[in-house]
Amino acid sequence: MAGGIGSRFWPMSTPEFPKQFIDVLGTGRTMIQMTYDRLLPICPAENIWVVTGAAYVDFVHEQLPDIPYGNILSEPAARNTAPCIAYACWKIRRRLQLLASEAQANIIVCPSDALVIDEVAYRRVLREALDFTSGSDAIVTVGITPSRPETGYGYIHAGEKAGGKVLKVRAFKEKPDLETAKAYLADGGYLWNAGIFVWTLTTIMASLRQHAPQIAGVMDMMESAFYTPDEQKVTEKLFPTCEKISIDYAVMEKSSSIYTIPGSFGWSDVGTWGSVLQNSVKDAGGNAVVGEDVDLYDCEGCVVHIGDLKKVVIEGLEGYIVAEKNGKLLVCRLSSEQKIRDFKK
């Protein structure tokens, strides 16, 4: 899933060129490229599908040229994750029908802009999830073993064992306040919700028909036009009529066959400048710097992301964000980063 607009990272990320297409951490690879790289040992390029906004299709193609162009699906409108996932699944089903294939597709769904440090452990969890869902009606959501009382993530309340490392899900919890997050951490039975799902094509289509029939009905009408000259016109007309709802509300919180596998592989949604600082290589002063020619003097705990300026010198800052792109400059305390959306209005 690659349709986000990255509004929390202005001016580095903008609706015209959002976070998933940017080398946020200075690794030489963009977020979507790192996601693609870590999935390749599990899934060949021809079986990787990307759903993104209409304005971003060419970005995906440029950054992931080995993915068939027909596997890059363009959403005519942002309708949240349930229609996004349904679109890909119905399109895959139609592809299999046209190929007269009896393959039973087993599907991993993940966001394009998260960070994973231990990719071997990540793939181990995904392979166990694929094994568990294969040939069953189970839905698996990957849970992240929490390392701190985090208020920025939703939580999964895990229950009894269901085989191997797989646990039955008792409940999904909204983003908590700090005291509740501390209680979740102390309890030991709660996991961060990473938005990574594993299921078979048959299972998710049946679940959407049962729990989100309006979306399934729209997909059925769209499907008749897939791989025909009318596909774009029909999709542009019908897709925006889908209910705007997340897969969590549409299916996950309603289904009785939801399981989780705890994972500890250095995951972060890299959703804040603070998380960029935390997950980047830092200098002796604890500063994270992305930019070609940046000199820092007497700076501590800063995150600096420079896009276009040829030379940058910063002196005497502690705990600041300094970000520049396309002639727009932000200098802001890290402690005030939640105000960035308001600053750019």
C-alpha atoms as a PDB file:
ATOM      1  CA  MET A   1       0.000   0.000   0.000  1.00  0.00           C
ATOM      2  CA  ALA A   2       1.617   3.217  -1.197  1.00  0.00           C
ATOM      3  CA  GLY A   3      -1.019   5.923  -1.238  1.00  0.00           C
ATOM      4  CA  GLY A   4      -0.145   8.041   1.808  1.00  0.00           C
ATOM      5  CA  ILE A   5       0.617  11.747   1.462  1.00  0.00           C
ATOM      6  CA  GLY A   6       3.188  12.062   4.274  1.00  0.00           C
ATOM      7  CA  SER A   7       1.900  15.326   5.709  1.00  0.00           C
ATOM      8  CA  ARG A   8       3.853  15.027   8.986  1.00  0.00           C
ATOM      9  CA  PHE A   9       7.207  15.398   7.213  1.00  0.00           C
ATOM     10  CA  TRP A  10       6.810  18.746   5.505  1.00  0.00           C
ATOM     11  CA  PRO A  11       8.801  20.108   3.743  1.00  0.00           C
ATOM     12  CA  MET A  12      10.710  16.890   3.003  1.00  0.00           C
ATOM     13  CA  SER A  13       7.488  15.062   2.177  1.00  0.00           C
ATOM     14  CA  THR A  14       4.579  16.716   0.378  1.00  0.00           C
ATOM     15  CA  PRO A  15       1.399  15.467  -1.303  1.00  0.00           C
ATOM     16  CA  GLU A  16       3.189  15.962  -4.629  1.00  0.00           C
ATOM     17  CA  PHE A  17       6.117  13.733  -3.572  1.00  0.00           C
ATOM     18  CA  PRO A  18       5.372  11.886  -0.311  1.00  0.00           C
ATOM     19  CA  LYS A  19       7.501  10.029   2.183  1.00  0.00           C
ATOM     20  CA  GLN A  20       7.378   6.544   0.631  1.00  0.00           C
ATOM     21  CA  PHE A  21       9.309   7.797  -2.419  1.00  0.00           C
ATOM     22  CA  ILE A  22      12.023   9.556  -0.404  1.00  0.00           C
ATOM     23  CA  ASP A  23      15.315   8.345   1.058  1.00  0.00           C
ATOM     24  CA  VAL A  24      14.227   9.423   4.537  1.00  0.00           C
ATOM     25  CA  LEU A  25      17.050   7.762   6.466  1.00  0.00           C
ATOM     26  CA  GLY A  26      19.949   8.470   4.114  1.00  0.00           C
ATOM     27  CA  THR A  27      20.446   4.806   3.180  1.00  0.00           C
ATOM     28  CA  GLY A  28      20.525   5.332  -0.572  1.00  0.00           C
ATOM     29  CA  ARG A  29      17.134   3.606  -0.942  1.00  0.00           C
ATOM     30  CA  THR A  30      13.686   5.125  -0.624  1.00  0.00           C
ATOM     31  CA  MET A  31      11.156   3.717   1.825  1.00  0.00           C
ATOM     32  CA  ILE A  32       9.209   1.862  -0.872  1.00  0.00           C
ATOM     33  CA  GLN A  33      12.434   0.469  -2.318  1.00  0.00           C
ATOM     34  CA  MET A  34      13.471  -0.867   1.095  1.00  0.00           C
ATOM     35  CA  THR A  35      10.037  -2.486   1.479  1.00  0.00           C
ATOM     36  CA  TYR A  36      10.396  -4.102  -1.944  1.00  0.00           C
ATOM     37  CA  ASP A  37      13.941  -5.300  -1.189  1.00  0.00           C
ATOM     38  CA  ARG A  38      12.929  -7.085   2.005  1.00  0.00           C
ATOM     39  CA  LEU A  39       9.985  -8.851   0.329  1.00  0.00           C
ATOM     40  CA  LEU A  40      11.881 -10.147  -2.711  1.00  0.00           C
ATOM     41  CA  PRO A  41      13.309 -13.253  -0.975  1.00  0.00           C
ATOM     42  CA  ILE A  42       9.706 -14.276  -0.227  1.00  0.00           C
ATOM     43  CA  CYS A  43       7.895 -13.110  -3.348  1.00  0.00           C
ATOM     44  CA  PRO A  44       9.221 -12.603  -6.916  1.00  0.00           C
ATOM     45  CA  ALA A  45       8.788  -9.185  -8.509  1.00  0.00           C
ATOM     46  CA  GLU A  46       6.090 -10.391 -10.888  1.00  0.00           C
ATOM     47  CA  ASN A  47       3.901 -11.293  -7.882  1.00  0.00           C
ATOM     48  CA  ILE A  48       4.321  -7.971  -6.071  1.00  0.00           C
ATOM     49  CA  TRP A  49       1.427  -5.539  -6.453  1.00  0.00           C
ATOM     50  CA  VAL A  50       1.371  -1.862  -5.462  1.00  0.00           C
ATOM     51  CA  VAL A  51      -1.766   0.197  -4.902  1.00  0.00           C
ATOM     52  CA  THR A  52      -1.090   3.918  -4.986  1.00  0.00           C
ATOM     53  CA  GLY A  53      -2.613   7.260  -5.863  1.00  0.00           C
ATOM     54  CA  ALA A  54      -3.076   8.170  -9.503  1.00  0.00           C
ATOM     55  CA  ALA A  55      -0.407  10.887  -9.197  1.00  0.00           C
ATOM     56  CA  TYR A  56       2.185   8.406  -7.929  1.00  0.00           C
ATOM     57  CA  VAL A  57       2.016   5.584 -10.482  1.00  0.00           C
ATOM     58  CA  ASP A  58       5.017   6.848 -12.426  1.00  0.00           C
ATOM     59  CA  PHE A  59       7.036   7.264  -9.213  1.00  0.00           C
ATOM     60  CA  VAL A  60       6.405   3.601  -8.384  1.00  0.00           C
ATOM     61  CA  HIS A  61       7.385   2.514 -11.879  1.00  0.00           C
ATOM     62  CA  GLU A  62      10.576   4.586 -11.818  1.00  0.00           C
ATOM     63  CA  GLN A  63      11.667   3.340  -8.392  1.00  0.00           C
ATOM     64  CA  LEU A  64      10.560  -0.292  -8.825  1.00  0.00           C
ATOM     65  CA  PRO A  65      11.132  -0.967 -12.538  1.00  0.00           C
ATOM     66  CA  ASP A  66      11.111  -4.758 -12.150  1.00  0.00           C
ATOM     67  CA  ILE A  67       7.471  -4.809 -11.040  1.00  0.00           C
ATOM     68  CA  PRO A  68       5.193  -5.258 -14.088  1.00  0.00           C
ATOM     69  CA  TYR A  69       3.455  -1.999 -14.914  1.00  0.00           C
ATOM     70  CA  GLY A  70       0.114  -3.797 -14.793  1.00  0.00           C
ATOM     71  CA  ASN A  71       0.744  -4.663 -11.138  1.00  0.00           C
ATOM     72  CA  ILE A  72       0.740  -0.968 -10.187  1.00  0.00           C
ATOM     73  CA  LEU A  73      -2.881  -0.114  -9.438  1.00  0.00           C
ATOM     74  CA  SER A  74      -4.057   3.479  -9.462  1.00  0.00           C
ATOM     75  CA  GLU A  75      -6.671   4.575  -6.939  1.00  0.00           C
ATOM     76  CA  PRO A  76      -8.835   7.331  -8.479  1.00  0.00           C
ATOM     77  CA  ALA A  77      -9.613   8.573  -4.965  1.00  0.00           C
ATOM     78  CA  ALA A  78      -8.320   7.894  -1.463  1.00  0.00           C
ATOM     79  CA  ARG A  79     -10.855   5.620   0.252  1.00  0.00           C
ATOM     80  CA  ASN A  80      -8.701   4.200   3.078  1.00  0.00           C
ATOM     81  CA  THR A  81      -7.239   0.705   3.312  1.00  0.00           C
ATOM     82  CA  ALA A  82     -10.286  -1.573   2.915  1.00  0.00           C
ATOM     83  CA  PRO A  83     -11.098  -0.484  -0.675  1.00  0.00           C
ATOM     84  CA  CYS A  84      -7.359  -0.351  -1.440  1.00  0.00           C
ATOM     85  CA  ILE A  85      -6.888  -3.976  -0.389  1.00  0.00           C
ATOM     86  CA  ALA A  86     -10.113  -5.102  -2.048  1.00  0.00           C
ATOM     87  CA  TYR A  87      -9.047  -3.531  -5.361  1.00  0.00           C
ATOM     88  CA  ALA A  88      -5.797  -5.496  -5.408  1.00  0.00           C
ATOM     89  CA  CYS A  89      -7.466  -8.760  -4.395  1.00  0.00           C
ATOM     90  CA  TRP A  90     -10.225  -8.593  -6.990  1.00  0.00           C
ATOM     91  CA  LYS A  91      -7.658  -7.668  -9.627  1.00  0.00           C
ATOM     92  CA  ILE A  92      -5.480 -10.645  -8.668  1.00  0.00           C
ATOM     93  CA  ARG A  93      -8.514 -12.945  -8.765  1.00  0.00           C
ATOM     94  CA  ARG A  94      -9.383 -11.719 -12.272  1.00  0.00           C
ATOM     95  CA  ARG A  95      -5.782 -12.247 -13.424  1.00  0.00           C
ATOM     96  CA  LEU A  96      -5.889 -15.850 -12.184  1.00  0.00           C
ATOM     97  CA  GLN A  97      -9.218 -16.425 -13.921  1.00  0.00           C
ATOM     98  CA  LEU A  98      -7.898 -15.174 -17.254  1.00  0.00           C
ATOM     99  CA  LEU A  99      -4.833 -17.398 -16.894  1.00  0.00           C
ATOM    100  CA  ALA A 100      -7.115 -20.333 -16.056  1.00  0.00           C
ATOM    101  CA  SER A 101      -4.909 -20.793 -13.017  1.00  0.00           C
ATOM    102  CA  GLU A 102      -5.966 -22.936 -10.075  1.00  0.00           C
ATOM    103  CA  ALA A 103      -3.317 -21.345  -7.857  1.00  0.00           C
ATOM    104  CA  GLN A 104      -4.492 -20.513  -4.333  1.00  0.00           C
ATOM    105  CA  ALA A 105      -2.998 -17.086  -3.785  1.00  0.00           C
ATOM    106  CA  ASN A 106      -1.640 -16.430  -0.294  1.00  0.00           C
ATOM    107  CA  ILE A 107      -1.245 -12.692   0.252  1.00  0.00           C
ATOM    108  CA  ILE A 108       0.910 -10.420   2.416  1.00  0.00           C
ATOM    109  CA  VAL A 109      -0.355  -6.854   2.788  1.00  0.00           C
ATOM    110  CA  CYS A 110       2.009  -4.220   4.153  1.00  0.00           C
ATOM    111  CA  PRO A 111       2.554  -0.459   4.093  1.00  0.00           C
ATOM    112  CA  SER A 112       5.265   0.857   1.790  1.00  0.00           C
ATOM    113  CA  ASP A 113       6.872   3.296   4.223  1.00  0.00           C
ATOM    114  CA  ALA A 114       7.830   1.366   7.363  1.00  0.00           C
ATOM    115  CA  LEU A 115      11.311   0.478   8.570  1.00  0.00           C
ATOM    116  CA  VAL A 116      12.541  -3.014   9.433  1.00  0.00           C
ATOM    117  CA  ILE A 117      16.027  -3.461  10.890  1.00  0.00           C
ATOM    118  CA  ASP A 118      16.245  -7.275  11.133  1.00  0.00           C
ATOM    119  CA  GLU A 119      14.964  -8.412   7.750  1.00  0.00           C
ATOM    120  CA  VAL A 120      15.788 -12.080   8.385  1.00  0.00           C
ATOM    121  CA  ALA A 121      13.544 -12.135  11.470  1.00  0.00           C
ATOM    122  CA  TYR A 122      10.874 -10.216   9.553  1.00  0.00           C
ATOM    123  CA  ARG A 123      10.777 -12.807   6.788  1.00  0.00           C
ATOM    124  CA  ARG A 124      10.750 -15.634   9.331  1.00  0.00           C
ATOM    125  CA  VAL A 125       7.558 -14.232  10.866  1.00  0.00           C
ATOM    126  CA  LEU A 126       5.954 -13.737   7.463  1.00  0.00           C
ATOM    127  CA  ARG A 127       6.775 -17.289   6.387  1.00  0.00           C
ATOM    128  CA  GLU A 128       5.188 -18.663   9.558  1.00  0.00           C
ATOM    129  CA  ALA A 129       2.102 -16.537   8.886  1.00  0.00           C
ATOM    130  CA  LEU A 130       1.923 -17.813   5.299  1.00  0.00           C
ATOM    131  CA  ASP A 131       2.170 -21.404   6.512  1.00  0.00           C
ATOM    132  CA  PHE A 132      -0.596 -20.829   9.064  1.00  0.00           C
ATOM    133  CA  THR A 133      -3.035 -19.184   6.638  1.00  0.00           C
ATOM    134  CA  SER A 134      -2.410 -21.568   3.749  1.00  0.00           C
ATOM    135  CA  GLY A 135      -5.390 -23.832   3.310  1.00  0.00           C
ATOM    136  CA  SER A 136      -7.359 -22.226   6.140  1.00  0.00           C
ATOM    137  CA  ASP A 137      -9.712 -19.302   6.696  1.00  0.00           C
ATOM    138  CA  ALA A 138      -7.384 -17.698   9.236  1.00  0.00           C
ATOM    139  CA  ILE A 139      -6.311 -14.056   9.056  1.00  0.00           C
ATOM    140  CA  VAL A 140      -2.966 -13.177  10.625  1.00  0.00           C
ATOM    141  CA  THR A 141      -1.873  -9.694  11.631  1.00  0.00           C
ATOM    142  CA  VAL A 142       1.750  -9.263  12.616  1.00  0.00           C
ATOM    143  CA  GLY A 143       2.161  -7.785  16.080  1.00  0.00           C
ATOM    144  CA  ILE A 144       5.309  -6.008  17.231  1.00  0.00           C
ATOM    145  CA  THR A 145       6.638  -6.805  20.692  1.00  0.00           C
ATOM    146  CA  PRO A 146       6.638  -3.354  22.349  1.00  0.00           C
ATOM    147  CA  SER A 147       9.885  -1.883  23.646  1.00  0.00           C
ATOM    148  CA  ARG A 148       8.349   1.157  25.333  1.00  0.00           C
ATOM    149  CA  PRO A 149       4.922   2.555  26.348  1.00  0.00           C
ATOM    150  CA  GLU A 150       4.098   3.977  22.899  1.00  0.00           C
ATOM    151  CA  THR A 151       1.023   6.194  22.489  1.00  0.00           C
ATOM    152  CA  GLY A 152       1.348   6.574  18.719  1.00  0.00           C
ATOM    153  CA  TYR A 153       0.343   3.023  17.751  1.00  0.00           C
ATOM    154  CA  GLY A 154      -2.767   0.915  18.085  1.00  0.00           C
ATOM    155  CA  TYR A 155      -2.402  -2.314  20.049  1.00  0.00           C
ATOM    156  CA  ILE A 156      -3.337  -5.969  19.620  1.00  0.00           C
ATOM    157  CA  HIS A 157      -4.454  -7.854  22.734  1.00  0.00           C
ATOM    158  CA  ALA A 158      -3.092 -11.369  22.201  1.00  0.00           C
ATOM    159  CA  GLY A 159      -4.632 -14.464  23.739  1.00  0.00           C
ATOM    160  CA  GLU A 160      -4.048 -18.201  23.800  1.00  0.00           C
ATOM    161  CA  LYS A 161      -1.649 -20.102  21.560  1.00  0.00           C
ATOM    162  CA  ALA A 162      -2.994 -21.472  18.291  1.00  0.00           C
ATOM    163  CA  GLY A 163       0.094 -23.344  17.108  1.00  0.00           C
ATOM    164  CA  GLY A 164       3.764 -22.443  16.904  1.00  0.00           C
ATOM    165  CA  LYS A 165       4.157 -18.766  17.700  1.00  0.00           C
ATOM    166  CA  VAL A 166       0.646 -17.948  16.486  1.00  0.00           C
ATOM    167  CA  LEU A 167      -1.748 -16.459  19.069  1.00  0.00           C
ATOM    168  CA  LYS A 168      -5.488 -15.854  18.913  1.00  0.00           C
ATOM    169  CA  VAL A 169      -6.405 -12.169  18.932  1.00  0.00           C
ATOM    170  CA  ARG A 170      -8.655 -11.158  21.810  1.00  0.00           C
ATOM    171  CA  ALA A 171      -9.184  -7.537  20.796  1.00  0.00           C
ATOM    172  CA  PHE A 172      -7.798  -4.528  18.966  1.00  0.00           C
ATOM    173  CA  LYS A 173      -7.155  -1.389  20.990  1.00  0.00           C
ATOM    174  CA  GLU A 174      -7.051   2.229  19.848  1.00  0.00           C
ATOM    175  CA  LYS A 175      -3.987   4.397  20.426  1.00  0.00           C
ATOM    176  CA  PRO A 176      -3.792   4.697  24.232  1.00  0.00           C
ATOM    177  CA  ASP A 177      -2.865   7.474  26.581  1.00  0.00           C
ATOM    178  CA  LEU A 178       0.479   7.150  28.368  1.00  0.00           C
ATOM    179  CA  GLU A 179      -0.844   5.468  31.504  1.00  0.00           C
ATOM    180  CA  THR A 180      -2.738   2.875  29.467  1.00  0.00           C
ATOM    181  CA  ALA A 181       0.337   2.272  27.290  1.00  0.00           C
ATOM    182  CA  LYS A 182       2.385   1.660  30.442  1.00  0.00           C
ATOM    183  CA  ALA A 183      -0.234  -0.823  31.651  1.00  0.00           C
ATOM    184  CA  TYR A 184      -0.147  -2.631  28.281  1.00  0.00           C
ATOM    185  CA  LEU A 185       3.651  -2.908  28.486  1.00  0.00           C
ATOM    186  CA  ALA A 186       3.551  -4.218  32.047  1.00  0.00           C
ATOM    187  CA  ASP A 187       0.847  -6.747  31.174  1.00  0.00           C
ATOM    188  CA  GLY A 188       2.990  -8.367  28.477  1.00  0.00           C
ATOM    189  CA  GLY A 189       0.008  -9.511  26.420  1.00  0.00           C
ATOM    190  CA  TYR A 190      -0.225  -6.501  24.138  1.00  0.00           C
ATOM    191  CA  LEU A 191       1.532  -5.921  20.804  1.00  0.00           C
ATOM    192  CA  TRP A 192       1.863  -2.919  18.530  1.00  0.00           C
ATOM    193  CA  ASN A 193      -0.365  -3.107  15.468  1.00  0.00           C
ATOM    194  CA  ALA A 194       1.975  -2.786  12.467  1.00  0.00           C
ATOM    195  CA  GLY A 195      -0.709  -2.942   9.774  1.00  0.00           C
ATOM    196  CA  ILE A 196       0.840  -6.067   8.229  1.00  0.00           C
ATOM    197  CA  PHE A 197      -1.718  -8.730   7.263  1.00  0.00           C
ATOM    198  CA  VAL A 198      -1.517 -12.248   5.833  1.00  0.00           C
ATOM    199  CA  TRP A 199      -4.449 -14.188   4.364  1.00  0.00           C
ATOM    200  CA  THR A 200      -5.472 -16.212   1.360  1.00  0.00           C
ATOM    201  CA  LEU A 201      -7.298 -14.570  -1.508  1.00  0.00           C
ATOM    202  CA  THR A 202     -10.353 -16.729  -0.812  1.00  0.00           C
ATOM    203  CA  THR A 203     -10.405 -15.747   2.861  1.00  0.00           C
ATOM    204  CA  ILE A 204     -10.162 -11.993   2.445  1.00  0.00           C
ATOM    205  CA  MET A 205     -12.706 -11.886  -0.375  1.00  0.00           C
ATOM    206  CA  ALA A 206     -15.174 -13.899   1.708  1.00  0.00           C
ATOM    207  CA  SER A 207     -14.511 -11.666   4.723  1.00  0.00           C
ATOM    208  CA  LEU A 208     -15.119  -8.507   2.713  1.00  0.00           C
ATOM    209  CA  ARG A 209     -18.344  -9.957   1.300  1.00  0.00           C
ATOM    210  CA  GLN A 210     -19.522 -10.754   4.816  1.00  0.00           C
ATOM    211  CA  HIS A 211     -18.391  -7.648   6.687  1.00  0.00           C
ATOM    212  CA  ALA A 212     -18.097  -4.965   3.960  1.00  0.00           C
ATOM    213  CA  PRO A 213     -20.683  -5.941   1.331  1.00  0.00           C
ATOM    214  CA  GLN A 214     -20.874  -2.455  -0.163  1.00  0.00           C
ATOM    215  CA  ILE A 215     -17.178  -2.518  -1.042  1.00  0.00           C
ATOM    216  CA  ALA A 216     -17.399  -6.095  -2.338  1.00  0.00           C
ATOM    217  CA  GLY A 217     -20.356  -5.120  -4.520  1.00  0.00           C
ATOM    218  CA  VAL A 218     -18.418  -2.249  -6.076  1.00  0.00           C
ATOM    219  CA  MET A 219     -15.475  -4.559  -6.735  1.00  0.00           C
ATOM    220  CA  ASP A 220     -17.745  -7.086  -8.441  1.00  0.00           C
ATOM    221  CA  MET A 221     -18.933  -4.382 -10.827  1.00  0.00           C
ATOM    222  CA  MET A 222     -15.380  -3.183 -11.458  1.00  0.00           C
ATOM    223  CA  GLU A 223     -14.073  -6.699 -12.026  1.00  0.00           C
ATOM    224  CA  SER A 224     -16.037  -7.209 -15.238  1.00  0.00           C
ATOM    225  CA  ALA A 225     -14.014  -4.393 -16.804  1.00  0.00           C
ATOM    226  CA  PHE A 226     -10.582  -5.537 -15.601  1.00  0.00           C
ATOM    227  CA  TYR A 227      -8.189  -6.211 -18.484  1.00  0.00           C
ATOM    228  CA  THR A 228     -10.556  -4.613 -20.996  1.00  0.00           C
ATOM    229  CA  PRO A 229     -10.375  -1.225 -22.767  1.00  0.00           C
ATOM    230  CA  ASP A 230     -13.043   0.077 -20.361  1.00  0.00           C
ATOM    231  CA  GLU A 231     -11.077  -0.667 -17.189  1.00  0.00           C
ATOM    232  CA  GLN A 232      -9.835   2.848 -16.445  1.00  0.00           C
ATOM    233  CA  LYS A 233     -13.180   4.492 -17.163  1.00  0.00           C
ATOM    234  CA  VAL A 234     -15.117   2.010 -15.027  1.00  0.00           C
ATOM    235  CA  THR A 235     -12.595   2.160 -12.182  1.00  0.00           C
ATOM    236  CA  GLU A 236     -12.608   5.958 -12.142  1.00  0.00           C
ATOM    237  CA  LYS A 237     -16.395   5.931 -11.985  1.00  0.00           C
ATOM    238  CA  LEU A 238     -16.966   3.194  -9.414  1.00  0.00           C
ATOM    239  CA  PHE A 239     -13.986   3.127  -7.046  1.00  0.00           C
ATOM    240  CA  PRO A 240     -14.768   6.546  -5.465  1.00  0.00           C
ATOM    241  CA  THR A 241     -18.204   5.191  -4.500  1.00  0.00           C
ATOM    242  CA  CYS A 242     -16.630   2.696  -2.077  1.00  0.00           C
ATOM    243  CA  GLU A 243     -17.218   3.258   1.609  1.00  0.00           C
ATOM    244  CA  LYS A 244     -14.227   5.084   3.088  1.00  0.00           C
ATOM    245  CA  ILE A 245     -13.090   2.721   5.827  1.00  0.00           C
ATOM    246  CA  SER A 246      -9.959   1.029   7.112  1.00  0.00           C
ATOM    247  CA  ILE A 247      -9.470  -2.727   6.870  1.00  0.00           C
ATOM    248  CA  ASP A 248      -9.251  -2.746  10.687  1.00  0.00           C
ATOM    249  CA  TYR A 249     -12.811  -1.466  11.075  1.00  0.00           C
ATOM    250  CA  ALA A 250     -14.185  -3.211   7.992  1.00  0.00           C
ATOM    251  CA  VAL A 251     -12.879  -6.730   8.707  1.00  0.00           C
ATOM    252  CA  MET A 252     -10.325  -7.175  11.481  1.00  0.00           C
ATOM    253  CA  GLU A 253     -12.548  -6.079  14.376  1.00  0.00           C
ATOM    254  CA  LYS A 254     -15.515  -8.115  13.088  1.00  0.00           C
ATOM    255  CA  SER A 255     -14.016 -11.442  12.068  1.00  0.00           C
ATOM    256  CA  SER A 256     -13.768 -14.332  14.530  1.00  0.00           C
ATOM    257  CA  SER A 257     -10.734 -15.915  12.814  1.00  0.00           C
ATOM    258  CA  ILE A 258      -8.061 -13.333  13.621  1.00  0.00           C
ATOM    259  CA  TYR A 259      -4.626 -14.382  14.840  1.00  0.00           C
ATOM    260  CA  THR A 260      -1.317 -12.664  15.469  1.00  0.00           C
ATOM    261  CA  ILE A 261       2.353 -13.572  15.480  1.00  0.00           C
ATOM    262  CA  PRO A 262       4.615 -11.480  17.729  1.00  0.00           C
ATOM    263  CA  GLY A 263       7.665 -10.088  15.975  1.00  0.00           C
ATOM    264  CA  SER A 264      10.834  -8.413  17.225  1.00  0.00           C
ATOM    265  CA  PHE A 265      12.649  -7.192  14.158  1.00  0.00           C
ATOM    266  CA  GLY A 266      13.299  -3.517  14.726  1.00  0.00           C
ATOM    267  CA  TRP A 267      10.065  -2.218  13.212  1.00  0.00           C
ATOM    268  CA  SER A 268       9.044   1.439  13.068  1.00  0.00           C
ATOM    269  CA  ASP A 269       6.433   3.210  11.001  1.00  0.00           C
ATOM    270  CA  VAL A 270       8.867   6.166  10.831  1.00  0.00           C
ATOM    271  CA  GLY A 271       5.883   8.382  11.421  1.00  0.00           C
ATOM    272  CA  THR A 272       7.615  11.293  13.166  1.00  0.00           C
ATOM    273  CA  TRP A 273      10.821  13.274  12.914  1.00  0.00           C
ATOM    274  CA  GLY A 274      11.667  11.839  16.317  1.00  0.00           C
ATOM    275  CA  SER A 275      11.511   8.311  14.872  1.00  0.00           C
ATOM    276  CA  VAL A 276      13.773   9.422  12.000  1.00  0.00           C
ATOM    277  CA  LEU A 277      16.311  10.565  14.600  1.00  0.00           C
ATOM    278  CA  GLN A 278      15.934   7.341  16.563  1.00  0.00           C
ATOM    279  CA  ASN A 279      16.419   5.065  13.530  1.00  0.00           C
ATOM    280  CA  SER A 280      19.159   6.936  11.658  1.00  0.00           C
ATOM    281  CA  VAL A 281      22.919   6.707  11.928  1.00  0.00           C
ATOM    282  CA  LYS A 282      24.011   9.476  14.282  1.00  0.00           C
ATOM    283  CA  ASP A 283      27.212  11.444  14.813  1.00  0.00           C
ATOM    284  CA  ALA A 284      29.029  11.917  18.122  1.00  0.00           C
ATOM    285  CA  GLY A 285      26.520  14.586  19.148  1.00  0.00           C
ATOM    286  CA  GLY A 286      23.547  12.310  18.518  1.00  0.00           C
ATOM    287  CA  ASN A 287      22.564  14.198  15.363  1.00  0.00           C
ATOM    288  CA  ALA A 288      21.077  12.483  12.302  1.00  0.00           C
ATOM    289  CA  VAL A 289      22.045  14.194   9.053  1.00  0.00           C
ATOM    290  CA  VAL A 290      20.864  13.553   5.497  1.00  0.00           C
ATOM    291  CA  GLY A 291      22.381  15.936   2.978  1.00  0.00           C
ATOM    292  CA  GLU A 292      25.408  16.275   0.742  1.00  0.00           C
ATOM    293  CA  ASP A 293      27.363  19.047   2.472  1.00  0.00           C
ATOM    294  CA  VAL A 294      26.143  19.710   6.011  1.00  0.00           C
ATOM    295  CA  ASP A 295      28.390  20.851   8.861  1.00  0.00           C
ATOM    296  CA  LEU A 296      27.179  20.917  12.461  1.00  0.00           C
ATOM    297  CA  TYR A 297      28.956  22.730  15.314  1.00  0.00           C
ATOM    298  CA  ASP A 298      27.977  22.357  18.963  1.00  0.00           C
ATOM    299  CA  CYS A 299      24.685  20.688  18.012  1.00  0.00           C
ATOM    300  CA  GLU A 300      23.076  17.836  19.926  1.00  0.00           C
ATOM    301  CA  GLY A 301      20.077  15.594  19.230  1.00  0.00           C
ATOM    302  CA  CYS A 302      19.085  17.280  15.972  1.00  0.00           C
ATOM    303  CA  VAL A 303      17.649  15.754  12.822  1.00  0.00           C
ATOM    304  CA  VAL A 304      18.750  17.522   9.641  1.00  0.00           C
ATOM    305  CA  HIS A 305      17.341  16.619   6.216  1.00  0.00           C
ATOM    306  CA  ILE A 306      18.551  18.825   3.368  1.00  0.00           C
ATOM    307  CA  GLY A 307      17.263  18.300  -0.145  1.00  0.00           C
ATOM    308  CA  ASP A 308      18.615  20.990  -2.457  1.00  0.00           C
ATOM    309  CA  LEU A 309      20.973  23.403  -0.708  1.00  0.00           C
ATOM    310  CA  LYS A 310      24.622  22.967  -1.693  1.00  0.00           C
ATOM    311  CA  LYS A 311      26.100  24.021   1.637  1.00  0.00           C
ATOM    312  CA  VAL A 312      24.543  24.096   5.111  1.00  0.00           C
ATOM    313  CA  VAL A 313      26.198  25.153   8.384  1.00  0.00           C
ATOM    314  CA  ILE A 314      24.306  24.883  11.681  1.00  0.00           C
ATOM    315  CA  GLU A 315      25.634  25.986  15.075  1.00  0.00           C
ATOM    316  CA  GLY A 316      24.398  25.709  18.629  1.00  0.00           C
ATOM    317  CA  LEU A 317      21.094  23.863  18.236  1.00  0.00           C
ATOM    318  CA  GLU A 318      19.850  21.176  20.602  1.00  0.00           C
ATOM    319  CA  GLY A 319      16.827  18.996  19.875  1.00  0.00           C
ATOM    320  CA  TYR A 320      15.810  20.662  16.620  1.00  0.00           C
ATOM    321  CA  ILE A 321      14.479  19.647  13.216  1.00  0.00           C
ATOM    322  CA  VAL A 322      16.080  21.414  10.262  1.00  0.00           C
ATOM    323  CA  ALA A 323      14.518  20.344   6.963  1.00  0.00           C
ATOM    324  CA  GLU A 324      14.718  21.915   3.516  1.00  0.00           C
ATOM    325  CA  LYS A 325      13.355  20.993   0.108  1.00  0.00           C
ATOM    326  CA  ASN A 326      12.445  22.939  -3.027  1.00  0.00           C
ATOM    327  CA  GLY A 327      13.164  26.298  -1.405  1.00  0.00           C
ATOM    328  CA  LYS A 328      11.051  25.582   1.694  1.00  0.00           C
ATOM    329  CA  LEU A 329      12.825  25.562   5.060  1.00  0.00           C
ATOM    330  CA  LEU A 330      11.624  24.318   8.434  1.00  0.00           C
ATOM    331  CA  VAL A 331      13.449  24.974  11.712  1.00  0.00           C
ATOM    332  CA  CYS A 332      11.433  23.574  14.604  1.00  0.00           C
ATOM    333  CA  ARG A 333      11.972  22.077  18.041  1.00  0.00           C
ATOM    334  CA  LEU A 334      11.554  18.306  18.008  1.00  0.00           C
ATOM    335  CA  SER A 335       9.275  18.700  21.010  1.00  0.00           C
ATOM    336  CA  SER A 336       6.918  20.797  18.848  1.00  0.00           C
ATOM    337  CA  GLU A 337       6.809  18.583  15.769  1.00  0.00           C
ATOM    338  CA  GLN A 338       3.115  17.830  16.252  1.00  0.00           C
ATOM    339  CA  LYS A 339       2.493  21.449  15.216  1.00  0.00           C
ATOM    340  CA  ILE A 340       4.117  21.052  11.774  1.00  0.00           C
ATOM    341  CA  ARG A 341       0.800  20.381  10.035  1.00  0.00           C
ATOM    342  CA  ASP A 342      -0.417  23.732  11.345  1.00  0.00           C
ATOM    343  CA  PHE A 343       2.788  25.597  10.468  1.00  0.00           C
ATOM    344  CA  LYS A 344       2.559  24.749   6.777  1.00  0.00           C
ATOM    345  CA  LYS A 345      -1.027  25.921   6.331  1.00  0.00           C
END
